Amino acid sequence: MVEVFKTNITKQKKAEQIIEKLQQKFSGYKINFDLEDCDNILRVESTTGQIDHEVLVQIISDDGFYIEPLKDDLSMTTQNKSEI
C-alpha cells in the first residue's frame, strides 16, 4: 500500500530527520520526500499492509509541521466516469 501526503516541510535536513523518526517507529515502511513538488510530498509505502495514518500524522504534527493525505485524483476520475 502506498500513501501520499502534502506537507509544509521544505528543508532537506528536516525531511531527513522526519524520515529517521518515522522509520524508527515504522521499520516496514519505505519513506521519502519530494521537496521539489509544490506540495512537499511525503510518500509512504508499507510492505506489510495498511499504513497507520493516525500515528504518522501525530509524529509529524508533534514536530510542528502540517500534513494531510492527498486524494487519488486518478481513482476519482475513474469513479466519476463510471457514474456518467
Protein backbone atom coordinates (compact mmCIF):
# COMPACT_ATOMS: atom_id res chain seq x y z
CA MET A 1 0.00 0.00 0.00
CA VAL A 2 1.24 3.48 -0.89
CA GLU A 3 0.01 6.73 0.64
CA VAL A 4 0.96 10.26 -0.42
CA PHE A 5 0.76 13.28 1.86
CA LYS A 6 1.02 17.04 1.39
CA THR A 7 3.31 18.71 3.95
CA ASN A 8 4.85 22.08 4.71
CA ILE A 9 8.32 20.59 5.23
CA THR A 10 10.67 22.46 2.90
CA LYS A 11 14.19 21.78 4.21
CA GLN A 12 16.08 18.63 3.23
CA LYS A 13 17.72 18.30 6.65
CA LYS A 14 14.36 18.40 8.42
CA ALA A 15 12.91 15.91 5.94
CA GLU A 16 15.78 13.54 6.72
CA GLN A 17 15.15 13.92 10.47
CA ILE A 18 11.45 13.17 9.97
CA ILE A 19 12.25 10.11 7.86
CA GLU A 20 14.60 8.83 10.54
CA LYS A 21 11.95 9.35 13.23
CA LEU A 22 9.26 7.63 11.16
CA GLN A 23 11.49 4.70 10.28
CA GLN A 24 12.25 4.14 13.96
CA LYS A 25 8.51 3.76 14.55
CA PHE A 26 7.66 2.01 11.26
CA SER A 27 10.54 -0.21 10.21
CA GLY A 28 8.42 -1.86 7.49
CA TYR A 29 7.74 1.41 5.65
CA LYS A 30 9.65 2.88 2.73
CA ILE A 31 9.54 6.66 3.23
CA ASN A 32 10.73 9.57 1.10
CA PHE A 33 10.06 13.22 0.40
CA ASP A 34 9.77 15.11 -2.88
CA LEU A 35 10.55 18.63 -1.76
CA GLU A 36 10.70 19.86 -5.36
CA ASP A 37 6.96 19.23 -5.70
CA CYS A 38 4.79 22.24 -4.82
CA ASP A 39 3.06 20.14 -2.15
CA ASN A 40 6.32 18.96 -0.50
CA ILE A 41 5.21 15.37 -0.93
CA LEU A 42 5.77 12.69 1.68
CA ARG A 43 5.42 9.23 0.13
CA VAL A 44 4.97 6.24 2.42
CA GLU A 45 4.89 2.64 1.24
CA SER A 46 4.04 -0.22 3.55
CA THR A 47 5.29 -3.63 2.51
CA THR A 48 3.27 -5.26 5.30
CA GLY A 49 -0.24 -3.88 4.72
CA GLN A 50 -2.06 -0.79 5.97
CA ILE A 51 -0.37 2.48 6.89
CA ASP A 52 -1.04 3.81 10.38
CA HIS A 53 -2.22 7.32 9.39
CA GLU A 54 -3.01 8.49 12.90
CA VAL A 55 0.43 7.80 14.36
CA LEU A 56 2.23 9.06 11.24
CA VAL A 57 0.28 12.33 11.24
CA GLN A 58 0.75 12.70 15.01
CA ILE A 59 4.54 12.30 14.78
CA ILE A 60 4.81 14.99 12.10
CA SER A 61 2.29 17.29 13.81
CA ASP A 62 4.15 16.95 17.12
CA ASP A 63 7.21 18.36 15.33
CA GLY A 64 5.13 21.42 14.41
CA PHE A 65 4.50 20.58 10.76
CA TYR A 66 1.38 20.38 8.64
CA ILE A 67 0.44 17.10 6.91
CA GLU A 68 -2.64 15.94 5.04
CA PRO A 69 -3.33 12.95 2.79
CA LEU A 70 -3.57 13.74 -0.90
CA LYS A 71 -6.61 12.39 -2.68
CA ASP A 72 -6.07 9.96 -5.50
CA ASP A 73 -7.27 12.04 -8.45
CA LEU A 74 -6.91 9.10 -10.83
CA SER A 75 -9.38 6.95 -8.92
CA MET A 76 -11.71 9.94 -8.53
CA THR A 77 -11.63 10.48 -12.32
CA THR A 78 -12.30 6.80 -12.96
CA GLN A 79 -15.13 6.80 -10.45
CA ASN A 80 -16.70 9.92 -11.99
CA LYS A 81 -16.55 8.41 -15.49
CA SER A 82 -18.36 5.29 -14.33
CA GLU A 83 -21.18 7.46 -12.98
CA ILE A 84 -21.77 9.11 -16.37
